[in-house]
Structures are given as C-alpha cells and as structure tokens.
Protein backbone atom coordinates (compact mmCIF):
# COMPACT_ATOMS: atom_id res chain seq x y z
CA MET A 1 12.61 10.41 -8.53
CA ALA A 2 14.28 9.18 -5.25
CA PHE A 3 12.90 7.89 -2.27
CA ASP A 4 14.10 9.27 1.08
CA LEU A 5 14.13 6.26 3.56
CA ASP A 6 15.34 8.18 6.26
CA SER A 7 12.37 10.74 6.02
CA LEU A 8 9.91 7.72 5.98
CA LYS A 9 11.58 6.36 9.07
CA SER A 10 11.53 9.55 10.99
CA ARG A 11 7.82 9.96 10.09
CA LEU A 12 7.11 6.36 11.40
CA GLN A 13 9.05 7.10 14.57
CA SER A 14 6.78 9.95 15.47
CA PRO A 15 3.34 8.97 16.81
CA LEU A 16 0.50 9.09 14.32
CA SER A 17 -3.01 10.43 15.06
CA PHE A 18 -5.75 8.13 13.81
CA ASN A 19 -9.35 8.72 14.40
CA GLY A 20 -8.40 10.85 17.47
CA ARG A 21 -6.16 8.20 19.13
CA ILE A 22 -2.25 8.56 18.99
CA TRP A 23 -0.42 5.36 17.71
CA ASN A 24 3.10 4.46 18.17
CA CYS A 25 4.53 2.53 15.14
CA PRO A 26 6.67 -0.71 15.83
CA ALA A 27 9.90 -1.09 14.46
CA ILE A 28 9.50 -1.95 10.82
CA ASN A 29 12.07 -3.71 8.67
CA LEU A 30 12.03 -1.63 5.44
CA HIS A 31 13.62 -2.45 2.02
CA VAL A 32 13.40 0.24 -0.75
CA PHE A 33 14.14 -0.69 -4.26
CA ASN A 34 14.31 1.32 -7.43
CA ARG A 35 12.89 -1.55 -9.59
CA VAL A 36 11.26 -4.77 -8.95
CA ALA A 37 9.20 -7.33 -10.89
CA SER A 38 6.67 -6.77 -8.10
CA THR A 39 6.78 -5.74 -4.55
CA ASN A 40 4.66 -9.02 -3.45
CA THR A 41 7.08 -11.36 -5.39
CA THR A 42 10.19 -9.40 -3.82
CA LEU A 43 8.62 -9.66 -0.38
CA TRP A 44 7.88 -13.36 -0.65
CA GLU A 45 11.45 -14.10 -1.73
CA LEU A 46 12.81 -11.96 1.52
CA LEU A 47 10.44 -14.14 3.48
CA ASP A 48 11.90 -17.37 2.00
CA GLN A 49 15.25 -15.94 3.04
CA GLY A 50 14.12 -15.58 6.81
CA ALA A 51 12.50 -12.01 6.77
CA GLN A 52 9.75 -11.75 9.34
CA ALA A 53 6.18 -10.37 9.71
CA GLY A 54 6.28 -6.56 9.39
CA THR A 55 8.67 -6.52 6.87
CA VAL A 56 7.91 -4.06 4.20
CA ALA A 57 9.04 -3.78 0.53
CA ILE A 58 8.65 -0.46 -1.34
CA ALA A 59 9.60 0.02 -5.07
CA LEU A 60 9.79 3.28 -7.16
CA ARG A 61 8.67 0.98 -10.12
CA GLN A 62 7.38 -2.41 -10.90
CA GLU A 63 7.96 -3.98 -14.01
CA SER A 64 5.31 -6.86 -13.51
CA GLY A 65 2.95 -5.37 -11.05
CA ARG A 66 -0.24 -7.48 -10.72
CA GLY A 67 -3.84 -6.94 -9.47
CA GLN A 68 -6.75 -9.15 -8.89
CA TRP A 69 -7.42 -12.09 -11.47
CA GLY A 70 -3.81 -11.89 -12.54
CA ARG A 71 -4.37 -8.29 -14.22
CA GLN A 72 -1.42 -6.10 -14.92
CA TRP A 73 -1.06 -3.07 -12.61
CA GLN A 74 0.76 -0.18 -14.52
CA SER A 75 3.49 0.76 -12.01
CA PRO A 76 5.62 3.64 -13.61
CA VAL A 77 7.73 5.98 -11.56
CA GLY A 78 5.70 8.44 -9.40
CA GLY A 79 3.23 5.85 -7.63
CA LEU A 80 3.75 4.08 -4.33
CA TYR A 81 4.06 0.33 -4.69
CA VAL A 82 4.44 -1.12 -1.19
CA SER A 83 3.96 -4.62 0.26
CA ILE A 84 3.88 -5.71 3.82
CA ALA A 85 4.15 -9.09 5.38
CA LEU A 86 1.81 -10.55 7.95
CA GLU A 87 1.45 -13.62 10.02
CA PRO A 88 -2.37 -13.52 10.67
CA ASP A 89 -3.16 -17.22 11.90
CA LEU A 90 -6.49 -16.58 10.28
CA ALA A 91 -9.08 -19.24 9.22
CA ILE A 92 -9.11 -19.55 5.49
CA GLU A 93 -12.80 -18.53 5.03
CA TYR A 94 -11.84 -14.97 6.37
CA SER A 95 -9.22 -14.50 3.90
CA ALA A 96 -11.25 -11.75 2.26
CA GLN A 97 -11.11 -9.61 5.31
CA LEU A 98 -7.31 -8.97 4.96
CA THR A 99 -8.03 -7.23 1.85
CA LEU A 100 -10.95 -5.35 3.00
CA ALA A 101 -9.32 -4.24 6.33
CA SER A 102 -6.34 -2.87 4.18
CA ALA A 103 -8.65 -0.95 2.06
CA TRP A 104 -10.65 0.48 4.63
CA GLY A 105 -7.62 1.27 6.79
CA ILE A 106 -5.99 3.01 3.94
CA ALA A 107 -9.29 4.91 2.83
CA THR A 108 -9.91 5.97 6.39
CA ALA A 109 -6.17 7.43 6.53
CA LEU A 110 -6.62 9.14 3.17
CA ARG A 111 -9.85 10.70 4.26
CA GLN A 112 -8.21 12.21 7.22
CA HIS A 113 -6.13 14.18 4.51
CA ALA A 114 -9.23 15.43 2.72
CA ILE A 115 -8.82 12.76 0.00
CA PRO A 116 -12.56 11.94 -0.79
CA VAL A 117 -11.67 8.09 -1.26
CA GLN A 118 -14.22 5.21 -1.28
CA VAL A 119 -13.70 1.51 -1.30
CA LYS A 120 -15.06 -0.26 -4.37
CA TRP A 121 -15.38 -3.89 -3.27
CA LEU A 122 -13.23 -5.31 -2.47
CA ASN A 123 -9.76 -4.32 -3.47
CA ASP A 124 -10.07 -0.84 -5.18
CA LEU A 125 -9.82 2.59 -3.88
CA VAL A 126 -11.62 5.19 -5.96
CA VAL A 127 -12.26 8.81 -6.13
CA LYS A 128 -15.13 10.14 -8.34
CA ASP A 129 -15.27 6.67 -9.85
CA ARG A 130 -11.57 6.93 -11.04
CA LYS A 131 -9.05 4.31 -9.55
CA LEU A 132 -6.83 5.62 -7.03
CA ALA A 133 -5.29 2.41 -5.69
CA GLY A 134 -5.49 -1.16 -6.04
CA ILE A 135 -4.66 -3.96 -3.29
CA LEU A 136 -3.51 -7.66 -3.88
CA THR A 137 -3.37 -10.10 -0.90
CA GLU A 138 -1.49 -13.19 -1.36
CA THR A 139 -1.48 -16.06 1.27
CA ARG A 140 0.08 -19.24 2.24
CA LEU A 141 -1.72 -21.93 4.08
CA GLN A 142 -1.16 -24.39 6.63
CA ARG A 143 -3.84 -26.94 8.07
CA GLY A 144 -6.75 -24.69 6.86
CA LYS A 145 -5.37 -21.42 8.35
CA ILE A 146 -3.50 -18.51 6.67
CA THR A 147 -0.05 -18.66 8.13
CA LYS A 148 1.60 -15.93 6.08
CA ALA A 149 0.27 -13.19 3.96
CA VAL A 150 1.47 -10.48 1.72
CA ILE A 151 -0.59 -7.25 1.24
CA GLY A 152 0.45 -5.33 -1.83
CA VAL A 153 -0.77 -1.87 -2.28
CA GLY A 154 -0.30 0.30 -5.40
CA ILE A 155 -1.43 4.09 -4.97
CA ASN A 156 -1.21 6.68 -7.82
CA TYR A 157 0.56 9.80 -6.44
CA CYS A 158 2.34 11.78 -9.36
CA ASN A 159 2.61 9.01 -11.68
CA PRO A 160 0.86 8.95 -15.35
CA VAL A 161 -2.62 6.98 -15.19
CA PRO A 162 -4.90 5.82 -17.85
CA PRO A 163 -8.27 7.65 -18.38
CA THR A 164 -10.06 5.52 -15.78
CA GLY A 165 -7.43 6.39 -13.03
CA ILE A 166 -6.58 9.44 -10.98
CA ASN A 167 -3.65 10.31 -8.92
CA LEU A 168 -3.29 11.98 -5.54
CA GLU A 169 -1.60 15.13 -7.37
CA MET A 170 -4.61 15.73 -9.60
CA ILE A 171 -7.02 15.42 -6.56
CA GLN A 172 -4.82 17.80 -4.40
CA THR A 173 -4.59 20.38 -7.37
CA GLN A 174 -8.31 20.25 -7.72
CA GLN A 175 -8.74 20.89 -4.14
CA GLN A 176 -6.01 23.41 -3.79
CA THR A 177 -4.48 21.53 -1.00
CA SER A 178 -1.44 19.39 -0.61
CA SER A 179 -1.46 17.70 2.88
CA ILE A 180 0.28 14.79 1.39
CA GLU A 181 3.48 16.43 -0.02
CA SER A 182 5.90 13.32 -1.00
CA LEU A 183 5.78 9.60 -1.57
CA GLU A 184 7.37 9.29 1.99
CA SER A 185 4.54 11.04 3.53
CA LEU A 186 1.95 8.84 1.55
CA ALA A 187 3.92 5.74 2.56
CA ALA A 188 3.58 6.74 6.34
CA ILE A 189 -0.06 7.43 6.03
CA ALA A 190 -0.68 4.35 4.04
C-alpha cells in the first residue's frame, strides 16, 4: 500500500467544511515514511533538528507504536499513523485538554462522514465498544508550561485488528457507504 502525498496536499489546499463553517488549512510541513519506530519518536527527532510547530509525520507502518501507559499499539500496513507538532504554551495542569481536544475533533470530523464514533475517556475512539483509534500526547515542559507537544494518532482504516478492534473498512461495509475512500482522505479529515 502506497501513500499519495500529492493527493493529501491537494485535499488540504481545498477549503474544508466543518460544522457548517469553511476552513482553510495553513501550510503544513508533511513527512511521509514507509516505516518508522513510531511517528511520535520520529517527529521529536525532526523537532530536535529544527522542525517547527505544524510539522506532521505520517507512516504506513510503525514498528514500535505506543499507546497510553506504554502499551504497544499494533501498527500494520493499512492504518493511518500520524503525529503533529504543536507549541501550545499551556499550563501543565491543562495537559489532558490536548488529548481530549484531539479526540473530540477527530470524532466530530468522522461523525460528519457517518462514522458513529464515540470518545472513550480520554484517548480512545470507539465504535460499538470496539477500538477504532488511539491518541498519545507527549509534551516538553519549561517553567511549568507545555512548550512543545506531539500528538500521535493511530486510526484503523483497512488494517487487520484484534477482536476488540474495528477498522473503517468494516464500518463502511456494514453501513454500505464509503465516504472515506483512502488513507489520504482519512488523513485530510483527521
């Protein structure tokens, strides 16, 4: 499975509709990899080399994907594995809001495409009690504030999933709809 970066860029250059409002996406520094240890780790390395907030790392496969509490996140080909860098300048006591806002935003966007996703506190997205996606937020602090954050998201698209998981392909087949027709369209939505 290949990832068409040009297709994603063209989708991001077109205005997006969200809750009845039109949004233009700012220029994003995109990096796509066939395989990485984890997109979060790769993005931290890019930040250490001078990358800025708004940089995005996408991988077709992660060898050492992680979830909350250090749990392993299975990351076979067919899923969307993406991390974005932020500079939130946020007090440390509000750190959970980064994850919750990400989960809410992704869930809201997927619902606009008829995916009946729910947020399972704090970092999981589920459909019919089966895990569709997970979010891992990592931060760097300075003087009691979060100065840098990397938010990683793994969304099951057409990859194999464990019995407790579900992927978008399964959902769209059950609903006989396919408004999310590719990893690129999913990346633009998420």
